[in-house]
Protein backbone atom coordinates (compact mmCIF):
# COMPACT_ATOMS: atom_id res chain seq x y z
CA MET A 1 1.78 -5.56 -0.27
CA TYR A 2 -1.04 -7.56 1.34
CA HIS A 3 -1.68 -6.58 5.00
CA ARG A 4 1.22 -4.09 4.98
CA ALA A 5 -0.73 -0.84 5.40
CA GLY A 6 1.32 1.64 7.41
CA LEU A 7 4.51 -0.38 7.01
CA PRO A 8 7.41 0.71 4.79
CA CYS A 9 7.56 -0.42 1.17
CA ARG A 10 10.17 -3.15 0.70
CA VAL A 11 11.52 -1.36 -2.39
CA CYS A 12 11.61 2.36 -1.55
CA GLY A 13 10.64 2.67 2.13
CA THR A 14 7.51 4.77 1.53
CA GLU A 15 4.54 3.98 3.79
CA ILE A 16 2.11 1.52 2.21
CA ALA A 17 -1.35 2.99 1.60
CA LEU A 18 -4.69 1.23 2.07
CA GLU A 19 -7.79 2.08 0.06
CA GLU A 20 -11.17 0.38 0.18
CA ILE A 21 -12.88 0.05 -3.18
CA GLY A 22 -16.31 -1.47 -2.79
CA ALA A 23 -15.86 -4.43 -0.46
CA ARG A 24 -12.19 -4.94 -1.39
CA LYS A 25 -9.05 -3.55 0.20
CA LEU A 26 -6.23 -2.32 -1.99
CA TYR A 27 -2.70 -2.08 -0.56
CA TRP A 28 -0.23 -0.08 -2.64
CA CYS A 29 2.91 2.03 -2.54
CA PRO A 30 2.17 5.64 -3.57
CA ARG A 31 5.74 6.06 -4.83
CA CYS A 32 6.45 2.79 -6.68
CA GLN A 33 2.93 2.19 -7.98
CA ALA A 34 1.77 5.74 -8.74
């Protein structure tokens, strides 16, 4: 999911989310990885 924020998930098509936790960026699919 790295650097895919705003792009569709390759599995389900849901938009990839980006969250910043501390100094790190976390890219994840809200549907597949919820």
